[in-house]
Amino acid sequence: MKYSSRCRCSICAKEGRFNIFYSINDGFLCRECVGKLKNVCFSRKPRAFTMTGWKYNQEDKSTILKNYTVKQARQRLEYLEENQKLKEKFKQTKSSKDGKLIIDEINRLFYIKNKEYEIFDLNAVNSFSVDRVYDKRQNMNIYELTELRLMIELKHAFTRYAFYSLGRMKWYEHGKIKKAKDSGKETLELLHELTKVHPGKVTKTYCIDRK
């Protein structure tokens, strides 16, 4: 859609100048409503990625939003509102040793510990693995290991991946690398025990200008 001098948010009806709105397929979203959508594979800046393994779309906001509809935005916001109600019934019975994966074995639920977490069903876990992240050195055609992540692929209508960092490091910090690997191995074993799904192979992500 084309910008006009003033816009109205298709979700909350807020009005204002076009520069505080994002254009979507059939309307506009204000910055506050885009922020509420959470985890729709947004990155703050466009990134160039070469990837093997997992298929996580990290295109920039404008590329994703141009195909996003008002109906999809409303459905996701409704889902997130309902998801918050699960926090009332969540009873922690177990956690990973690093304390980042919190589990309710009674209700078969889990979440990744962060400020505004989303609760997921253990039965929706499709696969999980450790992802090795390589960043390109500035002004050099060389990639170096900078992070290990625990990736959980979900059979989910709105959130395809749940993931968290096992550790950030320089390629030569062998102690940190070992600690992150051990943490990942322990969490994979825990997920296997709970879901009976076998861990996937280690994947690799190569990043250019990651912010």
C-alpha atoms as a PDB file:
ATOM      1  CA  MET A   1       0.000   0.000   0.000  1.00  0.00           C
ATOM      2  CA  LYS A   2       1.111   3.589  -0.592  1.00  0.00           C
ATOM      3  CA  TYR A   3       1.758   5.944   2.276  1.00  0.00           C
ATOM      4  CA  SER A   4      -0.468   9.010   2.753  1.00  0.00           C
ATOM      5  CA  SER A   5       0.477  12.032   4.856  1.00  0.00           C
ATOM      6  CA  ARG A   6      -1.438  10.522   7.805  1.00  0.00           C
ATOM      7  CA  CYS A   7      -2.235   6.907   8.629  1.00  0.00           C
ATOM      8  CA  ARG A   8      -4.482   4.901  10.933  1.00  0.00           C
ATOM      9  CA  CYS A   9      -3.397   1.633  12.564  1.00  0.00           C
ATOM     10  CA  SER A  10      -5.561  -1.268  11.351  1.00  0.00           C
ATOM     11  CA  ILE A  11      -5.395  -2.876  14.828  1.00  0.00           C
ATOM     12  CA  CYS A  12      -5.683  -0.148  17.471  1.00  0.00           C
ATOM     13  CA  ALA A  13      -6.984   2.719  15.234  1.00  0.00           C
ATOM     14  CA  LYS A  14      -4.179   5.039  16.375  1.00  0.00           C
ATOM     15  CA  GLU A  15      -3.649   7.923  13.944  1.00  0.00           C
ATOM     16  CA  GLY A  16      -0.470   9.814  13.104  1.00  0.00           C
ATOM     17  CA  ARG A  17       2.103  10.717  10.504  1.00  0.00           C
ATOM     18  CA  PHE A  18       3.102   7.963   8.086  1.00  0.00           C
ATOM     19  CA  ASN A  19       6.661   7.708   9.460  1.00  0.00           C
ATOM     20  CA  ILE A  20       5.467   5.999  12.655  1.00  0.00           C
ATOM     21  CA  PHE A  21       3.599   3.266  10.746  1.00  0.00           C
ATOM     22  CA  TYR A  22       4.511   0.093   8.878  1.00  0.00           C
ATOM     23  CA  SER A  23       2.714  -0.655   5.608  1.00  0.00           C
ATOM     24  CA  ILE A  24       1.282  -4.184   5.382  1.00  0.00           C
ATOM     25  CA  ASN A  25      -0.573  -6.040   2.638  1.00  0.00           C
ATOM     26  CA  ASP A  26      -3.980  -4.488   3.307  1.00  0.00           C
ATOM     27  CA  GLY A  27      -3.446  -1.769   5.886  1.00  0.00           C
ATOM     28  CA  PHE A  28      -1.030  -0.164   8.340  1.00  0.00           C
ATOM     29  CA  LEU A  29       0.397  -1.094  11.738  1.00  0.00           C
ATOM     30  CA  CYS A  30       1.758   1.357  14.306  1.00  0.00           C
ATOM     31  CA  ARG A  31       5.101   0.649  15.965  1.00  0.00           C
ATOM     32  CA  GLU A  32       3.413  -0.412  19.211  1.00  0.00           C
ATOM     33  CA  CYS A  33       1.288  -3.086  17.518  1.00  0.00           C
ATOM     34  CA  VAL A  34       4.245  -4.383  15.489  1.00  0.00           C
ATOM     35  CA  GLY A  35       6.142  -4.698  18.778  1.00  0.00           C
ATOM     36  CA  LYS A  36       3.269  -6.686  20.315  1.00  0.00           C
ATOM     37  CA  LEU A  37       3.365  -9.259  17.492  1.00  0.00           C
ATOM     38  CA  LYS A  38       6.713 -10.641  18.805  1.00  0.00           C
ATOM     39  CA  ASN A  39       8.826 -13.311  17.163  1.00  0.00           C
ATOM     40  CA  VAL A  40       7.471 -12.998  13.632  1.00  0.00           C
ATOM     41  CA  CYS A  41      11.038 -13.498  12.404  1.00  0.00           C
ATOM     42  CA  PHE A  42      11.893  -9.790  12.439  1.00  0.00           C
ATOM     43  CA  SER A  43      15.463  -8.502  12.539  1.00  0.00           C
ATOM     44  CA  ARG A  44      16.327  -4.872  13.210  1.00  0.00           C
ATOM     45  CA  LYS A  45      18.385  -4.595  10.014  1.00  0.00           C
ATOM     46  CA  PRO A  46      18.370  -6.548   6.748  1.00  0.00           C
ATOM     47  CA  ARG A  47      20.920  -9.351   6.908  1.00  0.00           C
ATOM     48  CA  ALA A  48      22.549 -11.486   4.240  1.00  0.00           C
ATOM     49  CA  PHE A  49      22.552 -15.135   5.319  1.00  0.00           C
ATOM     50  CA  THR A  50      23.936 -18.342   3.887  1.00  0.00           C
ATOM     51  CA  MET A  51      22.307 -21.181   5.766  1.00  0.00           C
ATOM     52  CA  THR A  52      22.227 -24.957   6.039  1.00  0.00           C
ATOM     53  CA  GLY A  53      19.938 -26.925   8.273  1.00  0.00           C
ATOM     54  CA  TRP A  54      17.163 -24.975   9.934  1.00  0.00           C
ATOM     55  CA  LYS A  55      14.888 -22.719   7.892  1.00  0.00           C
ATOM     56  CA  TYR A  56      14.384 -19.594   9.995  1.00  0.00           C
ATOM     57  CA  ASN A  57      13.365 -16.563   7.928  1.00  0.00           C
ATOM     58  CA  GLN A  58      15.287 -13.494   9.089  1.00  0.00           C
ATOM     59  CA  GLU A  59      14.295 -11.024   6.411  1.00  0.00           C
ATOM     60  CA  ASP A  60      13.891  -7.383   7.400  1.00  0.00           C
ATOM     61  CA  LYS A  61      10.559  -6.051   8.680  1.00  0.00           C
ATOM     62  CA  SER A  62       9.498  -4.301   5.492  1.00  0.00           C
ATOM     63  CA  THR A  63       9.956  -7.462   3.396  1.00  0.00           C
ATOM     64  CA  ILE A  64       7.920  -9.612   5.799  1.00  0.00           C
ATOM     65  CA  LEU A  65       5.217  -7.058   6.521  1.00  0.00           C
ATOM     66  CA  LYS A  66       4.409  -6.345   2.869  1.00  0.00           C
ATOM     67  CA  ASN A  67       2.881  -9.862   2.723  1.00  0.00           C
ATOM     68  CA  TYR A  68       1.321  -9.679   6.204  1.00  0.00           C
ATOM     69  CA  THR A  69      -2.450  -9.096   6.453  1.00  0.00           C
ATOM     70  CA  VAL A  70      -4.595  -7.400   9.080  1.00  0.00           C
ATOM     71  CA  LYS A  71      -6.354 -10.732   9.680  1.00  0.00           C
ATOM     72  CA  GLN A  72      -3.027 -12.475  10.388  1.00  0.00           C
ATOM     73  CA  ALA A  73      -1.963  -9.711  12.765  1.00  0.00           C
ATOM     74  CA  ARG A  74      -5.250  -9.892  14.683  1.00  0.00           C
ATOM     75  CA  GLN A  75      -5.096 -13.695  14.879  1.00  0.00           C
ATOM     76  CA  ARG A  76      -1.557 -13.583  16.241  1.00  0.00           C
ATOM     77  CA  LEU A  77      -2.387 -10.928  18.842  1.00  0.00           C
ATOM     78  CA  GLU A  78      -5.414 -12.974  19.954  1.00  0.00           C
ATOM     79  CA  TYR A  79      -3.199 -16.057  20.198  1.00  0.00           C
ATOM     80  CA  LEU A  80      -0.604 -14.201  22.319  1.00  0.00           C
ATOM     81  CA  GLU A  81      -3.358 -12.941  24.638  1.00  0.00           C
ATOM     82  CA  GLU A  82      -4.684 -16.486  25.120  1.00  0.00           C
ATOM     83  CA  ASN A  83      -1.135 -17.788  25.545  1.00  0.00           C
ATOM     84  CA  GLN A  84      -0.606 -15.493  28.550  1.00  0.00           C
ATOM     85  CA  LYS A  85      -3.487 -17.266  30.330  1.00  0.00           C
ATOM     86  CA  LEU A  86      -1.430 -20.482  30.318  1.00  0.00           C
ATOM     87  CA  LYS A  87       0.920 -18.844  32.821  1.00  0.00           C
ATOM     88  CA  GLU A  88      -1.812 -19.193  35.449  1.00  0.00           C
ATOM     89  CA  LYS A  89      -1.887 -23.000  35.125  1.00  0.00           C
ATOM     90  CA  PHE A  90       1.864 -23.482  34.560  1.00  0.00           C
ATOM     91  CA  LYS A  91       3.531 -25.447  37.378  1.00  0.00           C
ATOM     92  CA  GLN A  92       7.291 -25.787  37.055  1.00  0.00           C
ATOM     93  CA  THR A  93       8.468 -29.332  37.748  1.00  0.00           C
ATOM     94  CA  LYS A  94      11.831 -29.346  35.973  1.00  0.00           C
ATOM     95  CA  SER A  95      14.339 -27.123  34.200  1.00  0.00           C
ATOM     96  CA  SER A  96      17.477 -27.534  32.126  1.00  0.00           C
ATOM     97  CA  LYS A  97      20.749 -27.291  34.061  1.00  0.00           C
ATOM     98  CA  ASP A  98      21.457 -23.888  32.543  1.00  0.00           C
ATOM     99  CA  GLY A  99      18.090 -22.699  33.924  1.00  0.00           C
ATOM    100  CA  LYS A 100      16.850 -21.348  30.580  1.00  0.00           C
ATOM    101  CA  LEU A 101      14.357 -24.077  29.627  1.00  0.00           C
ATOM    102  CA  ILE A 102      11.484 -24.300  32.139  1.00  0.00           C
ATOM    103  CA  ILE A 103       9.182 -27.332  32.047  1.00  0.00           C
ATOM    104  CA  ASP A 104       5.770 -28.332  33.396  1.00  0.00           C
ATOM    105  CA  GLU A 105       5.605 -32.127  33.096  1.00  0.00           C
ATOM    106  CA  ILE A 106       2.062 -32.293  34.490  1.00  0.00           C
ATOM    107  CA  ASN A 107       0.494 -30.083  31.805  1.00  0.00           C
ATOM    108  CA  ARG A 108       3.118 -30.937  29.154  1.00  0.00           C
ATOM    109  CA  LEU A 109       4.185 -27.313  28.714  1.00  0.00           C
ATOM    110  CA  PHE A 110       7.488 -25.448  28.494  1.00  0.00           C
ATOM    111  CA  TYR A 111       8.942 -22.014  27.924  1.00  0.00           C
ATOM    112  CA  ILE A 112      12.300 -20.394  27.374  1.00  0.00           C
ATOM    113  CA  LYS A 113      13.120 -18.030  30.194  1.00  0.00           C
ATOM    114  CA  ASN A 114      13.127 -14.405  29.082  1.00  0.00           C
ATOM    115  CA  LYS A 115      11.330 -11.148  29.878  1.00  0.00           C
ATOM    116  CA  GLU A 116       8.176 -11.778  27.829  1.00  0.00           C
ATOM    117  CA  TYR A 117       8.104 -15.524  27.348  1.00  0.00           C
ATOM    118  CA  GLU A 118       5.640 -17.555  25.304  1.00  0.00           C
ATOM    119  CA  ILE A 119       4.438 -20.946  26.535  1.00  0.00           C
ATOM    120  CA  PHE A 120       4.557 -23.967  24.222  1.00  0.00           C
ATOM    121  CA  ASP A 121       3.168 -27.498  24.230  1.00  0.00           C
ATOM    122  CA  LEU A 122       5.753 -30.278  24.542  1.00  0.00           C
ATOM    123  CA  ASN A 123       3.635 -32.317  22.141  1.00  0.00           C
ATOM    124  CA  ALA A 124       4.229 -29.631  19.474  1.00  0.00           C
ATOM    125  CA  VAL A 125       7.997 -30.215  19.459  1.00  0.00           C
ATOM    126  CA  ASN A 126       8.946 -31.483  16.007  1.00  0.00           C
ATOM    127  CA  SER A 127      12.742 -31.520  16.298  1.00  0.00           C
ATOM    128  CA  PHE A 128      15.617 -29.923  18.187  1.00  0.00           C
ATOM    129  CA  SER A 129      19.336 -29.479  17.694  1.00  0.00           C
ATOM    130  CA  VAL A 130      22.346 -27.303  18.433  1.00  0.00           C
ATOM    131  CA  ASP A 131      23.091 -24.581  15.889  1.00  0.00           C
ATOM    132  CA  ARG A 132      26.647 -23.269  15.471  1.00  0.00           C
ATOM    133  CA  VAL A 133      26.684 -19.597  14.484  1.00  0.00           C
ATOM    134  CA  TYR A 134      29.584 -18.181  12.480  1.00  0.00           C
ATOM    135  CA  ASP A 135      30.081 -14.453  11.958  1.00  0.00           C
ATOM    136  CA  LYS A 136      32.114 -12.944   9.166  1.00  0.00           C
ATOM    137  CA  ARG A 137      35.146 -10.954  10.253  1.00  0.00           C
ATOM    138  CA  GLN A 138      35.010  -7.333   9.226  1.00  0.00           C
ATOM    139  CA  ASN A 139      36.739  -6.685   5.901  1.00  0.00           C
ATOM    140  CA  MET A 140      37.832 -10.333   5.680  1.00  0.00           C
ATOM    141  CA  ASN A 141      36.419 -13.366   3.882  1.00  0.00           C
ATOM    142  CA  ILE A 142      36.728 -15.460   7.046  1.00  0.00           C
ATOM    143  CA  TYR A 143      34.001 -16.812   9.331  1.00  0.00           C
ATOM    144  CA  GLU A 144      34.586 -17.591  12.988  1.00  0.00           C
ATOM    145  CA  LEU A 145      32.476 -19.383  15.598  1.00  0.00           C
ATOM    146  CA  THR A 146      30.750 -16.814  17.823  1.00  0.00           C
ATOM    147  CA  GLU A 147      27.733 -18.562  19.355  1.00  0.00           C
ATOM    148  CA  LEU A 148      25.987 -21.874  20.033  1.00  0.00           C
ATOM    149  CA  ARG A 149      22.189 -21.942  20.135  1.00  0.00           C
ATOM    150  CA  LEU A 150      19.606 -24.499  21.210  1.00  0.00           C
ATOM    151  CA  MET A 151      16.989 -24.685  18.426  1.00  0.00           C
ATOM    152  CA  ILE A 152      13.518 -26.198  18.956  1.00  0.00           C
ATOM    153  CA  GLU A 153      11.343 -26.578  15.856  1.00  0.00           C
ATOM    154  CA  LEU A 154       7.614 -26.523  16.591  1.00  0.00           C
ATOM    155  CA  LYS A 155       4.472 -27.738  14.853  1.00  0.00           C
ATOM    156  CA  HIS A 156       2.851 -24.396  15.525  1.00  0.00           C
ATOM    157  CA  ALA A 157       0.587 -22.020  13.601  1.00  0.00           C
ATOM    158  CA  PHE A 158       2.349 -18.823  14.684  1.00  0.00           C
ATOM    159  CA  THR A 159       5.814 -19.588  16.073  1.00  0.00           C
ATOM    160  CA  ARG A 160       7.960 -22.003  14.109  1.00  0.00           C
ATOM    161  CA  TYR A 161      11.084 -21.909  16.277  1.00  0.00           C
ATOM    162  CA  ALA A 162      11.836 -21.430  19.941  1.00  0.00           C
ATOM    163  CA  PHE A 163      15.536 -20.954  20.639  1.00  0.00           C
ATOM    164  CA  TYR A 164      18.063 -19.490  23.033  1.00  0.00           C
ATOM    165  CA  SER A 165      21.783 -18.886  23.249  1.00  0.00           C
ATOM    166  CA  LEU A 166      23.873 -21.566  24.937  1.00  0.00           C
ATOM    167  CA  GLY A 167      26.830 -19.211  24.940  1.00  0.00           C
ATOM    168  CA  ARG A 168      28.684 -16.528  23.029  1.00  0.00           C
ATOM    169  CA  MET A 169      32.408 -16.815  22.505  1.00  0.00           C
ATOM    170  CA  LYS A 170      35.447 -16.164  20.345  1.00  0.00           C
ATOM    171  CA  TRP A 171      36.648 -19.070  18.215  1.00  0.00           C
ATOM    172  CA  TYR A 172      39.729 -19.496  20.420  1.00  0.00           C
ATOM    173  CA  GLU A 173      37.870 -19.518  23.777  1.00  0.00           C
ATOM    174  CA  HIS A 174      37.870 -23.302  24.088  1.00  0.00           C
ATOM    175  CA  GLY A 175      36.587 -23.300  27.673  1.00  0.00           C
ATOM    176  CA  LYS A 176      33.474 -21.342  26.742  1.00  0.00           C
ATOM    177  CA  ILE A 177      32.908 -23.530  23.682  1.00  0.00           C
ATOM    178  CA  LYS A 178      33.101 -26.705  25.782  1.00  0.00           C
ATOM    179  CA  LYS A 179      30.760 -25.280  28.409  1.00  0.00           C
ATOM    180  CA  ALA A 180      28.203 -24.333  25.733  1.00  0.00           C
ATOM    181  CA  LYS A 181      28.483 -27.768  24.090  1.00  0.00           C
ATOM    182  CA  ASP A 182      27.984 -29.548  27.418  1.00  0.00           C
ATOM    183  CA  SER A 183      24.976 -27.355  28.213  1.00  0.00           C
ATOM    184  CA  GLY A 184      23.485 -28.134  24.795  1.00  0.00           C
ATOM    185  CA  LYS A 185      24.050 -31.865  25.192  1.00  0.00           C
ATOM    186  CA  GLU A 186      22.334 -31.908  28.596  1.00  0.00           C
ATOM    187  CA  THR A 187      19.319 -29.995  27.255  1.00  0.00           C
ATOM    188  CA  LEU A 188      19.015 -32.235  24.188  1.00  0.00           C
ATOM    189  CA  GLU A 189      18.980 -35.283  26.466  1.00  0.00           C
ATOM    190  CA  LEU A 190      16.286 -33.681  28.619  1.00  0.00           C
ATOM    191  CA  LEU A 191      14.111 -32.888  25.582  1.00  0.00           C
ATOM    192  CA  HIS A 192      14.554 -36.425  24.271  1.00  0.00           C
ATOM    193  CA  GLU A 193      13.466 -37.799  27.639  1.00  0.00           C
ATOM    194  CA  LEU A 194      10.342 -35.618  27.648  1.00  0.00           C
ATOM    195  CA  THR A 195       9.295 -35.845  23.989  1.00  0.00           C
ATOM    196  CA  LYS A 196      10.827 -39.158  22.815  1.00  0.00           C
ATOM    197  CA  VAL A 197      12.030 -37.226  19.746  1.00  0.00           C
ATOM    198  CA  HIS A 198      15.665 -37.883  18.838  1.00  0.00           C
ATOM    199  CA  PRO A 199      18.007 -34.863  18.621  1.00  0.00           C
ATOM    200  CA  GLY A 200      18.860 -33.653  15.135  1.00  0.00           C
ATOM    201  CA  LYS A 201      22.318 -33.133  13.719  1.00  0.00           C
ATOM    202  CA  VAL A 202      24.294 -30.012  14.525  1.00  0.00           C
ATOM    203  CA  THR A 203      23.472 -27.242  12.024  1.00  0.00           C
ATOM    204  CA  LYS A 204      25.452 -24.175  10.984  1.00  0.00           C
ATOM    205  CA  THR A 205      24.444 -20.581  10.322  1.00  0.00           C
ATOM    206  CA  TYR A 206      26.789 -18.160   8.545  1.00  0.00           C
ATOM    207  CA  CYS A 207      26.011 -14.486   9.236  1.00  0.00           C
ATOM    208  CA  ILE A 208      27.076 -11.295   7.523  1.00  0.00           C
ATOM    209  CA  ASP A 209      26.805  -8.001   9.436  1.00  0.00           C
ATOM    210  CA  ARG A 210      24.774  -9.501  12.277  1.00  0.00           C
ATOM    211  CA  LYS A 211      23.475  -6.836  14.667  1.00  0.00           C
END
